[in-house]
Amino acid sequence: MKSILEVCLIALGMVGIVTAQDPTKPVLREGISVQMPVLSEAVAIPAADELDATVVTVTAEGKLFVGVQPVELQALAGLLAQTVYVKADARVPYQQVLTVLDALHGHSVVLLTAPTTKVASGEITPPYGVRWLPSNW
């Protein structure tokens, strides 16, 4: 019994090492979680997931963060990054987002959204956040 447990632990460790080094998977990084607005024609922006990407987050309460550090609106003008990714909560007033965009004048700005799930014609769309299991399960 002890040897089976050792084999399982070694196998689990090997799987963890192999999957952790997969360069095709994005690296998880610290961030501020927001409820992002949904856009039907959203495109993937892999550059926003890079470790050196500058992401400005606007929370539903109107608080501003660069990465995970809280900042004041005036500090956004001093950012050194050429491209700034803005991740605003869907519930934040539109004027707050415009104020942030105005403070980022002179930077290339990319607004981040959540993509919708495209469904083929004739298929049943599950509720958001629910995944259907195949009927042969």
N, C-alpha and C. Protein backbone atom coordinates (compact mmCIF):
# COMPACT_ATOMS: atom_id res chain seq x y z
N MET A 1 0.83 -1.19 0.00
CA MET A 1 0.00 0.00 0.00
C MET A 1 0.87 1.26 0.00
N LYS A 2 1.95 1.22 0.77
CA LYS A 2 2.84 2.38 0.86
C LYS A 2 3.52 2.64 -0.48
N SER A 3 3.90 1.58 -1.21
CA SER A 3 4.57 1.78 -2.49
C SER A 3 3.61 2.34 -3.54
N ILE A 4 2.33 1.97 -3.49
CA ILE A 4 1.35 2.52 -4.42
C ILE A 4 1.19 4.01 -4.18
N LEU A 5 1.15 4.40 -2.92
CA LEU A 5 1.04 5.81 -2.57
C LEU A 5 2.27 6.58 -3.06
N GLU A 6 3.46 6.02 -2.89
CA GLU A 6 4.68 6.68 -3.36
C GLU A 6 4.66 6.85 -4.87
N VAL A 7 4.23 5.82 -5.60
CA VAL A 7 4.16 5.89 -7.06
C VAL A 7 3.17 6.97 -7.49
N CYS A 8 2.03 7.04 -6.82
CA CYS A 8 1.03 8.06 -7.14
C CYS A 8 1.56 9.46 -6.90
N LEU A 9 2.24 9.65 -5.79
CA LEU A 9 2.80 10.97 -5.48
C LEU A 9 3.88 11.37 -6.48
N ILE A 10 4.72 10.43 -6.88
CA ILE A 10 5.76 10.72 -7.87
C ILE A 10 5.12 11.05 -9.21
N ALA A 11 4.10 10.29 -9.61
CA ALA A 11 3.41 10.55 -10.88
C ALA A 11 2.74 11.92 -10.85
N LEU A 12 2.11 12.26 -9.74
CA LEU A 12 1.47 13.55 -9.61
C LEU A 12 2.49 14.68 -9.70
N GLY A 13 3.62 14.50 -9.08
CA GLY A 13 4.69 15.50 -9.16
C GLY A 13 5.22 15.66 -10.58
N MET A 14 5.37 14.56 -11.29
CA MET A 14 5.86 14.62 -12.68
C MET A 14 4.85 15.33 -13.58
N VAL A 15 3.58 15.07 -13.39
CA VAL A 15 2.54 15.74 -14.18
C VAL A 15 2.57 17.24 -13.89
N GLY A 16 2.74 17.60 -12.64
CA GLY A 16 2.82 19.01 -12.27
C GLY A 16 4.00 19.71 -12.91
N ILE A 17 5.14 19.04 -12.96
CA ILE A 17 6.34 19.63 -13.56
C ILE A 17 6.16 19.79 -15.07
N VAL A 18 5.63 18.77 -15.72
CA VAL A 18 5.44 18.81 -17.17
C VAL A 18 4.44 19.89 -17.56
N THR A 19 3.31 19.98 -16.86
CA THR A 19 2.31 20.99 -17.22
C THR A 19 2.75 22.40 -16.83
N ALA A 20 3.56 22.54 -15.80
CA ALA A 20 4.02 23.86 -15.38
C ALA A 20 4.98 24.46 -16.39
N GLN A 21 5.64 23.64 -17.19
CA GLN A 21 6.62 24.13 -18.13
C GLN A 21 6.08 24.26 -19.54
N ASP A 22 4.78 24.07 -19.75
CA ASP A 22 4.19 24.17 -21.07
C ASP A 22 4.17 25.63 -21.52
N PRO A 23 4.97 26.00 -22.53
CA PRO A 23 5.04 27.41 -22.93
C PRO A 23 3.80 27.89 -23.68
N THR A 24 2.92 26.99 -24.10
CA THR A 24 1.73 27.41 -24.83
C THR A 24 0.61 27.86 -23.90
N LYS A 25 0.71 27.54 -22.61
CA LYS A 25 -0.31 27.94 -21.66
C LYS A 25 0.06 29.28 -21.03
N PRO A 26 -0.93 30.18 -20.85
CA PRO A 26 -0.61 31.46 -20.22
C PRO A 26 -0.23 31.27 -18.76
N VAL A 27 0.65 32.11 -18.29
CA VAL A 27 1.09 32.06 -16.90
C VAL A 27 0.08 32.83 -16.06
N LEU A 28 -0.35 32.21 -14.96
CA LEU A 28 -1.26 32.91 -14.06
C LEU A 28 -0.48 33.96 -13.30
N ARG A 29 -1.06 35.13 -13.18
CA ARG A 29 -0.40 36.19 -12.46
C ARG A 29 -1.39 36.86 -11.54
N GLU A 30 -0.85 37.56 -10.56
CA GLU A 30 -1.71 38.28 -9.63
C GLU A 30 -2.48 39.36 -10.36
N GLY A 31 -3.68 39.61 -9.90
CA GLY A 31 -4.48 40.66 -10.50
C GLY A 31 -5.69 40.97 -9.64
N ILE A 32 -6.41 41.98 -10.04
CA ILE A 32 -7.63 42.38 -9.36
C ILE A 32 -8.79 41.82 -10.16
N SER A 33 -9.66 41.08 -9.50
CA SER A 33 -10.79 40.46 -10.18
C SER A 33 -11.94 41.45 -10.33
N VAL A 34 -12.46 41.53 -11.56
CA VAL A 34 -13.62 42.37 -11.84
C VAL A 34 -14.59 41.59 -12.71
N GLN A 35 -15.84 42.04 -12.74
CA GLN A 35 -16.84 41.48 -13.63
C GLN A 35 -16.72 42.24 -14.94
N MET A 36 -16.05 41.63 -15.90
CA MET A 36 -15.77 42.34 -17.15
C MET A 36 -17.00 42.37 -18.05
N PRO A 37 -17.19 43.45 -18.81
CA PRO A 37 -18.30 43.50 -19.75
C PRO A 37 -18.10 42.47 -20.85
N VAL A 38 -19.19 41.99 -21.42
CA VAL A 38 -19.14 40.95 -22.45
C VAL A 38 -19.31 41.59 -23.82
N LEU A 39 -18.50 41.17 -24.77
CA LEU A 39 -18.55 41.68 -26.13
C LEU A 39 -18.67 40.51 -27.08
N SER A 40 -19.61 40.57 -28.00
CA SER A 40 -19.85 39.44 -28.90
C SER A 40 -18.72 39.25 -29.91
N GLU A 41 -18.00 40.28 -30.24
CA GLU A 41 -16.92 40.18 -31.23
C GLU A 41 -15.55 40.38 -30.59
N ALA A 42 -15.38 39.92 -29.37
CA ALA A 42 -14.10 40.07 -28.67
C ALA A 42 -13.03 39.21 -29.32
N VAL A 43 -11.81 39.69 -29.29
CA VAL A 43 -10.66 38.93 -29.80
C VAL A 43 -9.67 38.73 -28.66
N ALA A 44 -8.92 37.66 -28.76
CA ALA A 44 -7.92 37.37 -27.73
C ALA A 44 -6.78 38.37 -27.80
N ILE A 45 -6.33 38.83 -26.66
CA ILE A 45 -5.20 39.75 -26.55
C ILE A 45 -4.15 39.08 -25.66
N PRO A 46 -3.34 38.16 -26.23
CA PRO A 46 -2.38 37.45 -25.39
C PRO A 46 -1.33 38.36 -24.77
N ALA A 47 -1.06 39.51 -25.37
CA ALA A 47 -0.06 40.42 -24.82
C ALA A 47 -0.48 40.96 -23.46
N ALA A 48 -1.78 41.01 -23.19
CA ALA A 48 -2.26 41.49 -21.89
C ALA A 48 -1.93 40.50 -20.77
N ASP A 49 -1.64 39.24 -21.13
CA ASP A 49 -1.31 38.23 -20.13
C ASP A 49 0.19 38.13 -19.86
N GLU A 50 1.00 38.88 -20.59
CA GLU A 50 2.45 38.85 -20.38
C GLU A 50 2.78 39.41 -19.00
N LEU A 51 3.86 38.93 -18.43
CA LEU A 51 4.24 39.37 -17.08
C LEU A 51 4.61 40.85 -17.02
N ASP A 52 5.11 41.41 -18.13
CA ASP A 52 5.51 42.82 -18.12
C ASP A 52 4.42 43.75 -18.64
N ALA A 53 3.21 43.24 -18.90
CA ALA A 53 2.11 44.07 -19.39
C ALA A 53 1.63 45.00 -18.29
N THR A 54 1.28 46.22 -18.67
CA THR A 54 0.74 47.19 -17.72
C THR A 54 -0.77 47.15 -17.82
N VAL A 55 -1.41 46.66 -16.74
CA VAL A 55 -2.86 46.53 -16.70
C VAL A 55 -3.41 47.48 -15.64
N VAL A 56 -4.28 48.38 -16.08
CA VAL A 56 -4.97 49.29 -15.17
C VAL A 56 -6.36 48.72 -14.95
N THR A 57 -6.73 48.53 -13.69
CA THR A 57 -8.03 47.97 -13.34
C THR A 57 -8.89 49.02 -12.66
N VAL A 58 -10.15 49.10 -13.09
CA VAL A 58 -11.13 49.98 -12.45
C VAL A 58 -12.19 49.07 -11.83
N THR A 59 -12.30 49.08 -10.51
CA THR A 59 -13.26 48.21 -9.83
C THR A 59 -14.65 48.84 -9.86
N ALA A 60 -15.64 48.06 -9.46
CA ALA A 60 -17.02 48.55 -9.43
C ALA A 60 -17.17 49.75 -8.49
N GLU A 61 -16.32 49.81 -7.47
CA GLU A 61 -16.36 50.93 -6.52
C GLU A 61 -15.61 52.14 -7.04
N GLY A 62 -14.96 52.03 -8.22
CA GLY A 62 -14.22 53.14 -8.79
C GLY A 62 -12.77 53.21 -8.36
N LYS A 63 -12.28 52.20 -7.63
CA LYS A 63 -10.87 52.20 -7.21
C LYS A 63 -9.99 51.83 -8.40
N LEU A 64 -8.79 52.41 -8.44
CA LEU A 64 -7.85 52.18 -9.53
C LEU A 64 -6.65 51.38 -9.04
N PHE A 65 -6.20 50.46 -9.90
CA PHE A 65 -5.03 49.64 -9.61
C PHE A 65 -4.18 49.56 -10.86
N VAL A 66 -2.87 49.58 -10.69
CA VAL A 66 -1.93 49.23 -11.75
C VAL A 66 -1.31 47.93 -11.29
N GLY A 67 -1.64 46.85 -12.00
CA GLY A 67 -1.29 45.52 -11.51
C GLY A 67 -2.13 45.25 -10.28
N VAL A 68 -1.49 45.07 -9.15
CA VAL A 68 -2.24 44.88 -7.89
C VAL A 68 -2.02 46.04 -6.93
N GLN A 69 -1.31 47.08 -7.37
CA GLN A 69 -1.01 48.23 -6.52
C GLN A 69 -2.07 49.31 -6.69
N PRO A 70 -2.71 49.75 -5.61
CA PRO A 70 -3.68 50.85 -5.72
C PRO A 70 -2.96 52.14 -6.12
N VAL A 71 -3.59 52.92 -7.00
CA VAL A 71 -3.00 54.18 -7.46
C VAL A 71 -4.08 55.25 -7.49
N GLU A 72 -3.64 56.48 -7.57
CA GLU A 72 -4.52 57.62 -7.76
C GLU A 72 -4.58 57.94 -9.25
N LEU A 73 -5.62 58.63 -9.67
CA LEU A 73 -5.84 58.94 -11.08
C LEU A 73 -4.65 59.72 -11.67
N GLN A 74 -4.08 60.62 -10.92
CA GLN A 74 -2.98 61.45 -11.42
C GLN A 74 -1.74 60.62 -11.74
N ALA A 75 -1.57 59.49 -11.08
CA ALA A 75 -0.39 58.65 -11.30
C ALA A 75 -0.41 57.95 -12.64
N LEU A 76 -1.58 57.84 -13.28
CA LEU A 76 -1.67 57.13 -14.56
C LEU A 76 -0.92 57.85 -15.67
N ALA A 77 -0.84 59.17 -15.60
CA ALA A 77 -0.13 59.93 -16.63
C ALA A 77 1.37 59.62 -16.61
N GLY A 78 1.89 59.19 -15.48
CA GLY A 78 3.32 58.91 -15.35
C GLY A 78 3.73 57.49 -15.70
N LEU A 79 2.80 56.68 -16.19
CA LEU A 79 3.16 55.31 -16.56
C LEU A 79 4.15 55.32 -17.72
N LEU A 80 5.13 54.43 -17.67
CA LEU A 80 6.17 54.39 -18.69
C LEU A 80 5.84 53.47 -19.86
N ALA A 81 4.89 52.59 -19.69
CA ALA A 81 4.56 51.62 -20.73
C ALA A 81 3.95 52.33 -21.94
N GLN A 82 4.31 51.85 -23.13
CA GLN A 82 3.74 52.41 -24.36
C GLN A 82 2.28 51.99 -24.49
N THR A 83 1.99 50.69 -24.23
CA THR A 83 0.63 50.18 -24.32
C THR A 83 0.11 49.86 -22.93
N VAL A 84 -1.08 50.33 -22.64
CA VAL A 84 -1.71 50.11 -21.35
C VAL A 84 -3.03 49.38 -21.60
N TYR A 85 -3.25 48.30 -20.86
CA TYR A 85 -4.48 47.52 -20.97
C TYR A 85 -5.41 47.94 -19.83
N VAL A 86 -6.64 48.30 -20.18
CA VAL A 86 -7.60 48.76 -19.19
C VAL A 86 -8.66 47.68 -19.01
N LYS A 87 -8.83 47.26 -17.77
CA LYS A 87 -9.81 46.24 -17.39
C LYS A 87 -10.77 46.90 -16.42
N ALA A 88 -11.96 47.27 -16.93
CA ALA A 88 -12.94 47.98 -16.10
C ALA A 88 -14.11 47.06 -15.78
N ASP A 89 -14.59 47.15 -14.56
CA ASP A 89 -15.76 46.38 -14.15
C ASP A 89 -16.96 46.86 -14.95
N ALA A 90 -17.85 45.93 -15.31
CA ALA A 90 -19.03 46.26 -16.09
C ALA A 90 -19.99 47.18 -15.34
N ARG A 91 -19.89 47.21 -14.01
CA ARG A 91 -20.82 48.01 -13.20
C ARG A 91 -20.30 49.41 -12.90
N VAL A 92 -19.07 49.72 -13.30
CA VAL A 92 -18.52 51.04 -13.01
C VAL A 92 -19.18 52.06 -13.94
N PRO A 93 -19.47 53.26 -13.45
CA PRO A 93 -20.08 54.27 -14.32
C PRO A 93 -19.17 54.59 -15.52
N TYR A 94 -19.79 54.77 -16.67
CA TYR A 94 -19.06 55.02 -17.91
C TYR A 94 -18.17 56.26 -17.79
N GLN A 95 -18.61 57.27 -17.07
CA GLN A 95 -17.81 58.48 -16.88
C GLN A 95 -16.49 58.17 -16.20
N GLN A 96 -16.48 57.21 -15.27
CA GLN A 96 -15.24 56.83 -14.59
C GLN A 96 -14.25 56.22 -15.58
N VAL A 97 -14.75 55.39 -16.50
CA VAL A 97 -13.89 54.79 -17.51
C VAL A 97 -13.33 55.88 -18.42
N LEU A 98 -14.16 56.83 -18.83
CA LEU A 98 -13.69 57.93 -19.68
C LEU A 98 -12.64 58.77 -18.96
N THR A 99 -12.79 58.97 -17.67
CA THR A 99 -11.81 59.73 -16.89
C THR A 99 -10.46 59.00 -16.89
N VAL A 100 -10.49 57.68 -16.75
CA VAL A 100 -9.26 56.89 -16.78
C VAL A 100 -8.62 56.98 -18.17
N LEU A 101 -9.42 56.85 -19.22
CA LEU A 101 -8.89 56.95 -20.58
C LEU A 101 -8.28 58.33 -20.83
N ASP A 102 -8.90 59.37 -20.31
CA ASP A 102 -8.36 60.72 -20.45
C ASP A 102 -7.03 60.86 -19.73
N ALA A 103 -6.91 60.24 -18.56
CA ALA A 103 -5.66 60.30 -17.80
C ALA A 103 -4.54 59.54 -18.51
N LEU A 104 -4.90 58.58 -19.36
CA LEU A 104 -3.90 57.80 -20.11
C LEU A 104 -3.59 58.42 -21.48
N HIS A 105 -3.92 59.69 -21.65
CA HIS A 105 -3.64 60.39 -22.91
C HIS A 105 -2.16 60.27 -23.25
N GLY A 106 -1.87 59.89 -24.48
CA GLY A 106 -0.49 59.71 -24.92
C GLY A 106 -0.04 58.27 -24.92
N HIS A 107 -0.81 57.39 -24.34
CA HIS A 107 -0.51 55.96 -24.33
C HIS A 107 -1.42 55.24 -25.34
N SER A 108 -0.96 54.13 -25.86
CA SER A 108 -1.84 53.26 -26.62
C SER A 108 -2.67 52.50 -25.59
N VAL A 109 -3.99 52.54 -25.72
CA VAL A 109 -4.86 51.93 -24.73
C VAL A 109 -5.68 50.82 -25.38
N VAL A 110 -5.74 49.67 -24.72
CA VAL A 110 -6.55 48.55 -25.17
C VAL A 110 -7.55 48.25 -24.07
N LEU A 111 -8.85 48.32 -24.41
CA LEU A 111 -9.90 47.99 -23.44
C LEU A 111 -10.15 46.49 -23.49
N LEU A 112 -10.09 45.85 -22.34
CA LEU A 112 -10.28 44.41 -22.26
C LEU A 112 -11.73 44.08 -21.93
N THR A 113 -12.27 43.06 -22.60
CA THR A 113 -13.63 42.59 -22.35
C THR A 113 -13.62 41.08 -22.25
N ALA A 114 -14.72 40.53 -21.80
CA ALA A 114 -14.88 39.07 -21.76
C ALA A 114 -15.59 38.65 -23.04
N PRO A 115 -15.15 37.57 -23.67
CA PRO A 115 -15.82 37.12 -24.90
C PRO A 115 -17.10 36.37 -24.57
N THR A 116 -18.04 36.38 -25.52
CA THR A 116 -19.23 35.57 -25.37
C THR A 116 -18.94 34.19 -25.94
N THR A 117 -19.76 33.23 -25.59
CA THR A 117 -19.62 31.90 -26.14
C THR A 117 -20.49 31.82 -27.38
N LYS A 118 -19.87 31.55 -28.52
CA LYS A 118 -20.63 31.44 -29.76
C LYS A 118 -21.21 30.04 -29.85
N VAL A 119 -22.48 29.97 -30.20
CA VAL A 119 -23.18 28.70 -30.28
C VAL A 119 -23.64 28.48 -31.71
N ALA A 120 -23.44 27.27 -32.21
CA ALA A 120 -23.89 26.95 -33.56
C ALA A 120 -25.41 26.96 -33.61
N SER A 121 -25.94 27.27 -34.77
CA SER A 121 -27.38 27.32 -34.97
C SER A 121 -28.03 25.98 -34.64
N GLY A 122 -29.14 26.02 -33.93
CA GLY A 122 -29.87 24.80 -33.60
C GLY A 122 -29.43 24.14 -32.30
N GLU A 123 -28.43 24.68 -31.61
CA GLU A 123 -27.97 24.10 -30.36
C GLU A 123 -28.58 24.85 -29.18
N ILE A 124 -28.72 24.16 -28.08
CA ILE A 124 -29.24 24.77 -26.86
C ILE A 124 -28.09 25.47 -26.14
N THR A 125 -28.31 26.71 -25.77
CA THR A 125 -27.29 27.48 -25.07
C THR A 125 -27.45 27.29 -23.57
N PRO A 126 -26.42 26.77 -22.89
CA PRO A 126 -26.53 26.62 -21.43
C PRO A 126 -26.42 27.98 -20.76
N PRO A 127 -26.95 28.13 -19.55
CA PRO A 127 -26.81 29.39 -18.82
C PRO A 127 -25.34 29.72 -18.59
N TYR A 128 -25.03 31.00 -18.44
CA TYR A 128 -23.66 31.43 -18.23
C TYR A 128 -23.09 30.75 -17.00
N GLY A 129 -21.90 30.16 -17.14
CA GLY A 129 -21.23 29.52 -16.03
C GLY A 129 -21.61 28.06 -15.83
N VAL A 130 -22.48 27.53 -16.70
CA VAL A 130 -22.89 26.13 -16.59
C VAL A 130 -22.38 25.38 -17.80
N ARG A 131 -21.84 24.19 -17.56
CA ARG A 131 -21.33 23.37 -18.66
C ARG A 131 -22.13 22.09 -18.68
N TRP A 132 -22.64 21.75 -19.86
CA TRP A 132 -23.42 20.53 -20.01
C TRP A 132 -22.49 19.35 -20.19
N LEU A 133 -22.81 18.22 -19.56
CA LEU A 133 -22.06 17.00 -19.76
C LEU A 133 -22.66 16.24 -20.94
N PRO A 134 -21.84 15.50 -21.69
CA PRO A 134 -22.38 14.73 -22.81
C PRO A 134 -23.43 13.74 -22.31
N SER A 135 -24.36 13.37 -23.19
CA SER A 135 -25.46 12.50 -22.80
C SER A 135 -24.98 11.07 -22.49
N ASN A 136 -23.80 10.70 -22.99
CA ASN A 136 -23.29 9.36 -22.74
C ASN A 136 -22.47 9.26 -21.45
N TRP A 137 -22.51 10.30 -20.63
CA TRP A 137 -21.78 10.29 -19.37
C TRP A 137 -22.46 9.42 -18.40
